[in-house]
Amino acid sequence: MTENIILLALSVVGFLVSYHIHVKKKKAEKLVCFVGKDCDKVIHSEYNALIFGIHNEVLGMLYYGFAIVLTVLPFLGVIMLLGFPLTSVLLVVSGLAALFSVLLTFIQLFLLKEICEYCLVSAAVSIAMFVVRIF
């Protein structure tokens, strides 16, 4: 159960970071980064809607929200989802999210040559969730 508490905390952090980016974009406010030079260049880039045209921060909120549900369900006695163990579902989903995060980080560093620290935090959270799920 300690693993689920860690995953829940990571999911909440990831959701809040994605939500913060989403709100800033919706309000057309500049996203201030302290490490990178221009976070807005990253979040408004052509790479921000790679999957079905859905913006990455919205995908992040959906993923982290789903992860929150999956980590809360065992506390309610639910251990299966559509015939699959919740642990397996979360492993697959977090693995895909971690791979996507690696791709987005590569795009930031090597194609855009800009760093968005909020995006890097989200990527680190996704990868951490996968690592926690593995071990």
Protein backbone atom coordinates (compact mmCIF):
# COMPACT_ATOMS: atom_id res chain seq x y z
CA MET A 1 0.00 0.00 0.00
CA THR A 2 2.98 2.35 0.50
CA GLU A 3 3.56 2.09 -3.24
CA ASN A 4 0.01 3.32 -3.90
CA ILE A 5 0.48 6.29 -1.59
CA ILE A 6 3.68 7.26 -3.44
CA LEU A 7 1.92 6.83 -6.80
CA LEU A 8 -1.03 8.87 -5.58
CA ALA A 9 1.26 11.71 -4.44
CA LEU A 10 3.16 11.66 -7.74
CA SER A 11 -0.11 11.62 -9.69
CA VAL A 12 -1.41 14.64 -7.81
CA VAL A 13 1.84 16.55 -8.42
CA GLY A 14 1.76 15.65 -12.12
CA PHE A 15 -1.88 16.68 -12.42
CA LEU A 16 -1.23 20.02 -10.73
CA VAL A 17 1.74 20.79 -13.01
CA SER A 18 -0.27 19.90 -16.13
CA TYR A 19 -3.22 21.93 -14.85
CA HIS A 20 -0.97 24.94 -14.19
CA ILE A 21 0.31 24.85 -17.76
CA HIS A 22 -3.25 24.45 -19.06
CA VAL A 23 -4.55 27.42 -17.06
CA LYS A 24 -1.69 29.67 -18.17
CA LYS A 25 -2.34 28.77 -21.81
CA LYS A 26 -6.11 29.29 -21.49
CA LYS A 27 -5.61 32.72 -19.93
CA ALA A 28 -2.92 33.54 -22.53
CA GLU A 29 -0.50 34.34 -19.70
CA LYS A 30 3.23 33.90 -20.06
CA LEU A 31 4.54 30.76 -18.39
CA VAL A 32 7.54 31.91 -16.38
CA CYS A 33 10.40 29.44 -16.17
CA PHE A 34 13.46 30.01 -14.03
CA VAL A 35 15.74 27.47 -15.69
CA GLY A 36 14.74 27.68 -19.34
CA LYS A 37 14.75 30.82 -21.42
CA ASP A 38 11.32 30.51 -22.98
CA CYS A 39 8.80 28.00 -21.63
CA ASP A 40 6.17 29.49 -23.93
CA LYS A 41 8.19 28.42 -26.95
CA VAL A 42 7.93 24.83 -25.71
CA ILE A 43 4.26 24.79 -24.70
CA HIS A 44 3.13 26.59 -27.83
CA SER A 45 5.32 24.61 -30.22
CA GLU A 46 4.07 22.50 -33.11
CA TYR A 47 4.87 19.44 -30.97
CA ASN A 48 2.25 20.30 -28.36
CA ALA A 49 -0.48 18.12 -29.86
CA LEU A 50 1.27 14.97 -31.06
CA ILE A 51 -1.46 12.50 -30.09
CA PHE A 52 -4.80 12.96 -31.88
CA GLY A 53 -4.36 16.74 -31.79
CA ILE A 54 -4.85 16.82 -28.01
CA HIS A 55 -2.58 19.28 -26.23
CA ASN A 56 0.10 17.63 -24.12
CA GLU A 57 -0.99 19.30 -20.89
CA VAL A 58 -4.53 17.99 -21.41
CA LEU A 59 -3.13 14.50 -22.03
CA GLY A 60 -1.13 14.96 -18.83
CA MET A 61 -4.23 15.88 -16.84
CA LEU A 62 -6.10 12.89 -18.30
CA TYR A 63 -3.21 10.53 -17.57
CA TYR A 64 -2.61 11.76 -14.03
CA GLY A 65 -6.34 11.81 -13.30
CA PHE A 66 -6.62 8.22 -14.52
CA ALA A 67 -3.60 7.28 -12.41
CA ILE A 68 -5.22 8.90 -9.36
CA VAL A 69 -8.33 6.77 -9.90
CA LEU A 70 -6.25 3.61 -10.39
CA THR A 71 -4.30 4.21 -7.19
CA VAL A 72 -7.41 4.99 -5.12
CA LEU A 73 -9.41 1.95 -6.28
CA PRO A 74 -7.37 -0.60 -4.26
CA PHE A 75 -8.21 1.35 -1.10
CA LEU A 76 -11.86 0.74 -2.01
CA GLY A 77 -11.26 -2.98 -2.48
CA VAL A 78 -11.15 -2.93 -6.30
CA ILE A 79 -8.22 -4.87 -7.73
CA MET A 80 -9.36 -5.55 -11.32
CA LEU A 81 -10.24 -3.28 -14.23
CA LEU A 82 -11.97 -4.82 -17.26
CA GLY A 83 -10.58 -8.22 -16.31
CA PHE A 84 -7.00 -7.00 -15.78
CA PRO A 85 -5.24 -6.43 -12.46
CA LEU A 86 -5.03 -2.72 -11.65
CA THR A 87 -1.31 -3.08 -11.08
CA SER A 88 -0.84 -4.33 -14.65
CA VAL A 89 -3.01 -1.57 -16.10
CA LEU A 90 -1.04 1.08 -14.23
CA LEU A 91 2.25 -0.51 -15.29
CA VAL A 92 1.32 -0.39 -18.98
CA VAL A 93 -0.17 3.10 -18.84
CA SER A 94 2.72 4.53 -16.81
CA GLY A 95 5.21 2.87 -19.15
CA LEU A 96 3.58 4.52 -22.17
CA ALA A 97 3.51 7.87 -20.35
CA ALA A 98 7.19 7.53 -19.44
CA LEU A 99 8.11 6.79 -23.06
CA PHE A 100 6.07 9.77 -24.25
CA SER A 101 7.79 11.94 -21.63
CA VAL A 102 11.21 10.84 -22.89
CA LEU A 103 10.14 11.75 -26.44
CA LEU A 104 8.90 15.18 -25.35
CA THR A 105 12.09 15.82 -23.39
CA PHE A 106 14.14 14.88 -26.46
CA ILE A 107 12.06 17.33 -28.52
CA GLN A 108 12.68 20.09 -25.97
CA LEU A 109 16.40 19.58 -25.76
CA PHE A 110 17.35 18.71 -29.32
CA LEU A 111 14.68 20.08 -31.64
CA LEU A 112 13.37 23.18 -29.87
CA LYS A 113 16.60 23.77 -27.96
CA GLU A 114 14.55 25.21 -25.11
CA ILE A 115 13.74 23.93 -21.65
CA CYS A 116 10.39 24.13 -19.90
CA GLU A 117 10.96 23.19 -16.30
CA TYR A 118 7.27 22.45 -15.74
CA CYS A 119 7.43 20.00 -18.64
CA LEU A 120 10.57 18.45 -17.19
CA VAL A 121 8.90 18.07 -13.80
CA SER A 122 5.96 16.34 -15.46
CA ALA A 123 8.35 14.07 -17.37
CA ALA A 124 10.25 13.24 -14.17
CA VAL A 125 6.98 12.45 -12.39
CA SER A 126 5.86 10.16 -15.23
CA ILE A 127 9.17 8.32 -15.24
CA ALA A 128 9.17 8.10 -11.44
CA MET A 129 5.68 6.60 -11.50
CA PHE A 130 6.84 3.94 -13.94
CA VAL A 131 9.91 3.17 -11.84
CA VAL A 132 7.82 2.91 -8.65
CA ARG A 133 5.38 0.65 -10.48
CA ILE A 134 8.21 -1.64 -11.64
CA PHE A 135 9.73 -2.01 -8.19
